Amino acid sequence: MRETRDIFKDGRTITTRLSRFGERPDREFDIQFWQGLTSEARANAVWELVVDYWQMKGKTLDELRLQRSVENIQRGRR
């Protein structure tokens, strides 16, 4: 396996890993990648996946929002 890292002028870094067909992937690469990101960057990546999935279903982005459930719980008297 060969790993390369490209750093661009705008500050973006792209890391790639080349492996042979049939070679069992090493999860350490993925773990290091995701742990190397800030929590904000991980949340942004997840949101991108949600948006992509929503668009693949043919739905408009206007429909996409967080669910807001409201519930009132009152404790009974003893």
C-alpha atoms as a PDB file:
ATOM      1  CA  MET A   1       0.000   0.000   0.000  1.00  0.00           C
ATOM      2  CA  ARG A   2       1.141   3.477  -0.823  1.00  0.00           C
ATOM      3  CA  GLU A   3      -0.073   6.642   0.849  1.00  0.00           C
ATOM      4  CA  THR A   4       0.258  10.119  -0.636  1.00  0.00           C
ATOM      5  CA  ARG A   5      -0.622  13.549   0.742  1.00  0.00           C
ATOM      6  CA  ASP A   6      -1.187  16.632  -1.407  1.00  0.00           C
ATOM      7  CA  ILE A   7      -1.412  20.088   0.170  1.00  0.00           C
ATOM      8  CA  PHE A   8      -2.951  22.842  -1.942  1.00  0.00           C
ATOM      9  CA  LYS A   9      -2.403  26.606  -1.830  1.00  0.00           C
ATOM     10  CA  ASP A  10      -5.859  27.199  -0.360  1.00  0.00           C
ATOM     11  CA  GLY A  11      -5.007  25.029   2.651  1.00  0.00           C
ATOM     12  CA  ARG A  12      -6.861  21.876   1.594  1.00  0.00           C
ATOM     13  CA  THR A  13      -5.100  18.576   2.143  1.00  0.00           C
ATOM     14  CA  ILE A  14      -5.997  15.458   0.188  1.00  0.00           C
ATOM     15  CA  THR A  15      -4.668  12.136   1.421  1.00  0.00           C
ATOM     16  CA  THR A  16      -5.006   9.045  -0.759  1.00  0.00           C
ATOM     17  CA  ARG A  17      -4.091   5.438  -0.258  1.00  0.00           C
ATOM     18  CA  LEU A  18      -3.471   2.994  -3.068  1.00  0.00           C
ATOM     19  CA  SER A  19      -3.906  -0.722  -2.425  1.00  0.00           C
ATOM     20  CA  ARG A  20      -3.903  -3.795  -4.616  1.00  0.00           C
ATOM     21  CA  PHE A  21      -7.058  -5.535  -5.766  1.00  0.00           C
ATOM     22  CA  GLY A  22      -8.129  -8.175  -3.269  1.00  0.00           C
ATOM     23  CA  GLU A  23      -5.910  -6.776  -0.541  1.00  0.00           C
ATOM     24  CA  ARG A  24      -7.685  -6.547   2.805  1.00  0.00           C
ATOM     25  CA  PRO A  25      -7.996  -2.895   3.820  1.00  0.00           C
ATOM     26  CA  ASP A  26      -6.372  -1.667   7.000  1.00  0.00           C
ATOM     27  CA  ARG A  27      -8.899   0.341   9.020  1.00  0.00           C
ATOM     28  CA  GLU A  28      -6.100   2.292  10.708  1.00  0.00           C
ATOM     29  CA  PHE A  29      -5.958   4.640   7.715  1.00  0.00           C
ATOM     30  CA  ASP A  30      -9.663   5.497   8.065  1.00  0.00           C
ATOM     31  CA  ILE A  31      -9.443   5.860  11.842  1.00  0.00           C
ATOM     32  CA  GLN A  32      -6.478   8.221  11.627  1.00  0.00           C
ATOM     33  CA  PHE A  33      -8.188  10.262   8.920  1.00  0.00           C
ATOM     34  CA  TRP A  34     -11.450  10.810  10.816  1.00  0.00           C
ATOM     35  CA  GLN A  35      -9.749  11.377  14.166  1.00  0.00           C
ATOM     36  CA  GLY A  36      -7.512  13.969  12.517  1.00  0.00           C
ATOM     37  CA  LEU A  37     -10.531  16.133  11.684  1.00  0.00           C
ATOM     38  CA  THR A  38     -12.225  18.570  14.014  1.00  0.00           C
ATOM     39  CA  SER A  39     -15.709  17.734  15.253  1.00  0.00           C
ATOM     40  CA  GLU A  40     -17.030  20.535  13.033  1.00  0.00           C
ATOM     41  CA  ALA A  41     -15.370  19.013   9.951  1.00  0.00           C
ATOM     42  CA  ARG A  42     -16.835  15.562  10.778  1.00  0.00           C
ATOM     43  CA  ALA A  43     -20.311  17.073  11.236  1.00  0.00           C
ATOM     44  CA  ASN A  44     -19.989  18.888   7.887  1.00  0.00           C
ATOM     45  CA  ALA A  45     -18.990  15.630   6.173  1.00  0.00           C
ATOM     46  CA  VAL A  46     -22.010  13.851   7.633  1.00  0.00           C
ATOM     47  CA  TRP A  47     -24.325  16.665   6.565  1.00  0.00           C
ATOM     48  CA  GLU A  48     -22.935  16.464   2.997  1.00  0.00           C
ATOM     49  CA  LEU A  49     -23.815  12.759   2.928  1.00  0.00           C
ATOM     50  CA  VAL A  50     -27.335  13.502   4.179  1.00  0.00           C
ATOM     51  CA  VAL A  51     -27.829  16.145   1.474  1.00  0.00           C
ATOM     52  CA  ASP A  52     -26.485  13.813  -1.244  1.00  0.00           C
ATOM     53  CA  TYR A  53     -28.787  11.004  -0.100  1.00  0.00           C
ATOM     54  CA  TRP A  54     -31.778  13.351   0.025  1.00  0.00           C
ATOM     55  CA  GLN A  55     -31.117  14.565  -3.523  1.00  0.00           C
ATOM     56  CA  MET A  56     -30.710  10.982  -4.791  1.00  0.00           C
ATOM     57  CA  LYS A  57     -34.205  10.264  -3.449  1.00  0.00           C
ATOM     58  CA  GLY A  58     -35.433  13.114  -5.676  1.00  0.00           C
ATOM     59  CA  LYS A  59     -36.519  15.348  -2.814  1.00  0.00           C
ATOM     60  CA  THR A  60     -35.962  19.076  -2.618  1.00  0.00           C
ATOM     61  CA  LEU A  61     -33.610  20.543  -0.050  1.00  0.00           C
ATOM     62  CA  ASP A  62     -36.461  22.730   1.253  1.00  0.00           C
ATOM     63  CA  GLU A  63     -37.930  19.596   2.836  1.00  0.00           C
ATOM     64  CA  LEU A  64     -34.683  18.709   4.574  1.00  0.00           C
ATOM     65  CA  ARG A  65     -34.517  19.901   8.154  1.00  0.00           C
ATOM     66  CA  LEU A  66     -34.009  18.542  11.621  1.00  0.00           C
ATOM     67  CA  GLN A  67     -37.034  16.971  13.243  1.00  0.00           C
ATOM     68  CA  ARG A  68     -38.389  19.015  16.113  1.00  0.00           C
ATOM     69  CA  SER A  69     -40.520  17.037  18.515  1.00  0.00           C
ATOM     70  CA  VAL A  70     -42.134  18.693  21.511  1.00  0.00           C
ATOM     71  CA  GLU A  71     -43.405  16.749  24.463  1.00  0.00           C
ATOM     72  CA  ASN A  72     -44.691  17.767  27.875  1.00  0.00           C
ATOM     73  CA  ILE A  73     -43.907  15.433  30.765  1.00  0.00           C
ATOM     74  CA  GLN A  74     -45.353  16.171  34.169  1.00  0.00           C
ATOM     75  CA  ARG A  75     -44.471  14.339  37.313  1.00  0.00           C
ATOM     76  CA  GLY A  76     -47.462  13.023  39.225  1.00  0.00           C
ATOM     77  CA  ARG A  77     -48.133  13.902  42.843  1.00  0.00           C
ATOM     78  CA  ARG A  78     -47.135  11.420  45.508  1.00  0.00           C
END
